[in-house]
Amino acid sequence: MKPIRLQVQMPTIGVFSIKGRSAVGEIEGPIEAMVHGLRRVEFKGQIADDYVRALAFVPEQFRSHLRESGRLVGAEHAWCTATLADNKKSLAPFLASGDDEWKSETA
């Protein structure tokens, strides 16, 4: 697989609101990133068909939080969620292949 550009949900520390109260904690926001691997997600024996896990390049501003939580793979990549609704055309070849995992040569 060649690295592709996808919109992924990148975890970071931010402010969120629940029932009128705000708090600081981990939130996931959409960013566009280069993806070097794709993996299907299985939950209770069923393969999820609306999202996949993506081995995405993490921009510098997100790395400190991911490093502290131990979610970085190597120095600058992390497994993030990529939804089918945001990346329908880009994920179509992977989903049609039936493979469980794709990785690029650089991953």
Protein backbone atom coordinates (compact mmCIF):
# COMPACT_ATOMS: atom_id res chain seq x y z
CA MET A 1 0.00 0.00 0.00
CA LYS A 2 1.11 3.55 -0.68
CA PRO A 3 0.59 6.11 2.10
CA ILE A 4 -2.72 7.92 1.64
CA ARG A 5 -4.23 11.09 3.07
CA LEU A 6 -7.31 10.50 5.25
CA GLN A 7 -9.37 12.43 7.75
CA VAL A 8 -8.81 10.73 11.12
CA GLN A 9 -9.99 11.35 14.67
CA MET A 10 -6.85 12.52 16.51
CA PRO A 11 -6.96 12.32 20.34
CA THR A 12 -5.80 15.41 22.24
CA ILE A 13 -6.45 17.28 25.49
CA GLY A 14 -9.24 19.83 25.18
CA VAL A 15 -12.28 21.41 26.79
CA PHE A 16 -15.64 19.67 26.44
CA SER A 17 -19.10 20.33 27.81
CA ILE A 18 -21.64 17.93 29.32
CA LYS A 19 -25.03 19.24 30.46
CA GLY A 20 -23.81 22.82 30.72
CA ARG A 21 -20.65 22.03 32.66
CA SER A 22 -17.25 22.19 31.06
CA ALA A 23 -14.26 20.03 31.83
CA VAL A 24 -10.77 19.39 30.50
CA GLY A 25 -9.96 15.91 29.22
CA GLU A 26 -9.21 13.79 26.18
CA ILE A 27 -11.28 14.58 23.10
CA GLU A 28 -10.96 13.39 19.53
CA GLY A 29 -11.07 15.92 16.74
CA PRO A 30 -10.87 15.46 12.98
CA ILE A 31 -7.60 16.25 11.21
CA GLU A 32 -6.22 15.30 7.82
CA ALA A 33 -3.11 13.13 8.08
CA MET A 34 -0.94 10.77 6.05
CA VAL A 35 -1.86 7.18 6.84
CA HIS A 36 0.71 4.38 6.57
CA GLY A 37 -1.46 1.45 7.64
CA LEU A 38 -5.09 0.35 7.86
CA ARG A 39 -6.64 -2.27 10.10
CA ARG A 40 -10.20 -3.58 10.39
CA VAL A 41 -11.82 -3.37 13.83
CA GLU A 42 -13.47 -6.43 15.36
CA PHE A 43 -15.83 -6.06 18.33
CA LYS A 44 -17.50 -9.10 19.93
CA GLY A 45 -16.87 -11.22 16.86
CA GLN A 46 -18.35 -8.68 14.42
CA ILE A 47 -16.23 -6.61 12.05
CA ALA A 48 -17.14 -2.92 12.16
CA ASP A 49 -18.19 -1.69 8.74
CA ASP A 50 -18.43 2.05 9.46
CA TYR A 51 -14.85 2.74 10.63
CA VAL A 52 -11.29 1.35 10.54
CA ARG A 53 -8.11 1.97 12.53
CA ALA A 54 -5.48 4.01 10.69
CA LEU A 55 -1.75 4.26 11.47
CA ALA A 56 -1.52 8.03 11.04
CA PHE A 57 1.33 10.52 11.17
CA VAL A 58 0.90 12.65 14.31
CA PRO A 59 1.63 16.40 13.99
CA GLU A 60 3.97 17.87 16.61
CA GLN A 61 1.23 19.62 18.64
CA PHE A 62 -0.52 16.28 19.36
CA ARG A 63 2.57 14.20 20.21
CA SER A 64 3.12 15.24 23.84
CA HIS A 65 -0.30 13.99 24.96
CA LEU A 66 -0.01 10.74 22.99
CA ARG A 67 3.52 10.16 24.28
CA GLU A 68 2.33 10.56 27.90
CA SER A 69 -0.56 8.14 27.38
CA GLY A 70 1.69 5.60 25.62
CA ARG A 71 -0.28 5.62 22.37
CA LEU A 72 2.55 6.57 19.99
CA VAL A 73 3.87 3.87 17.66
CA GLY A 74 7.49 4.72 17.06
CA ALA A 75 8.29 8.42 17.32
CA GLU A 76 5.58 10.01 15.22
CA HIS A 77 2.69 7.62 14.40
CA ALA A 78 -0.41 6.48 16.30
CA TRP A 79 -3.43 4.26 15.62
CA CYS A 80 -6.45 6.54 15.13
CA THR A 81 -10.02 6.05 13.96
CA ALA A 82 -10.95 6.78 10.34
CA THR A 83 -14.69 6.75 9.61
CA LEU A 84 -16.16 5.53 6.35
CA ALA A 85 -18.47 8.57 6.18
CA ASP A 86 -15.45 10.94 6.01
CA ASN A 87 -13.26 8.80 3.71
CA LYS A 88 -15.61 6.82 1.49
CA LYS A 89 -13.59 6.95 -1.77
CA SER A 90 -10.19 6.57 -0.13
CA LEU A 91 -11.18 3.55 1.98
CA ALA A 92 -13.14 1.77 -0.79
CA PRO A 93 -10.17 -0.30 -2.12
CA PHE A 94 -9.25 -1.50 1.38
CA LEU A 95 -12.82 -2.44 2.30
CA ALA A 96 -13.38 -4.18 -1.05
CA SER A 97 -10.18 -6.24 -0.70
CA GLY A 98 -11.42 -8.23 2.29
CA ASP A 99 -7.96 -8.03 3.92
CA ASP A 100 -7.69 -7.45 7.66
CA GLU A 101 -4.63 -5.19 7.53
CA TRP A 102 -2.62 -3.13 5.05
CA LYS A 103 0.71 -1.48 5.80
CA SER A 104 3.01 0.62 3.64
CA GLU A 105 6.68 -0.20 3.19
CA THR A 106 7.62 2.85 5.32
CA ALA A 107 5.52 1.80 8.33
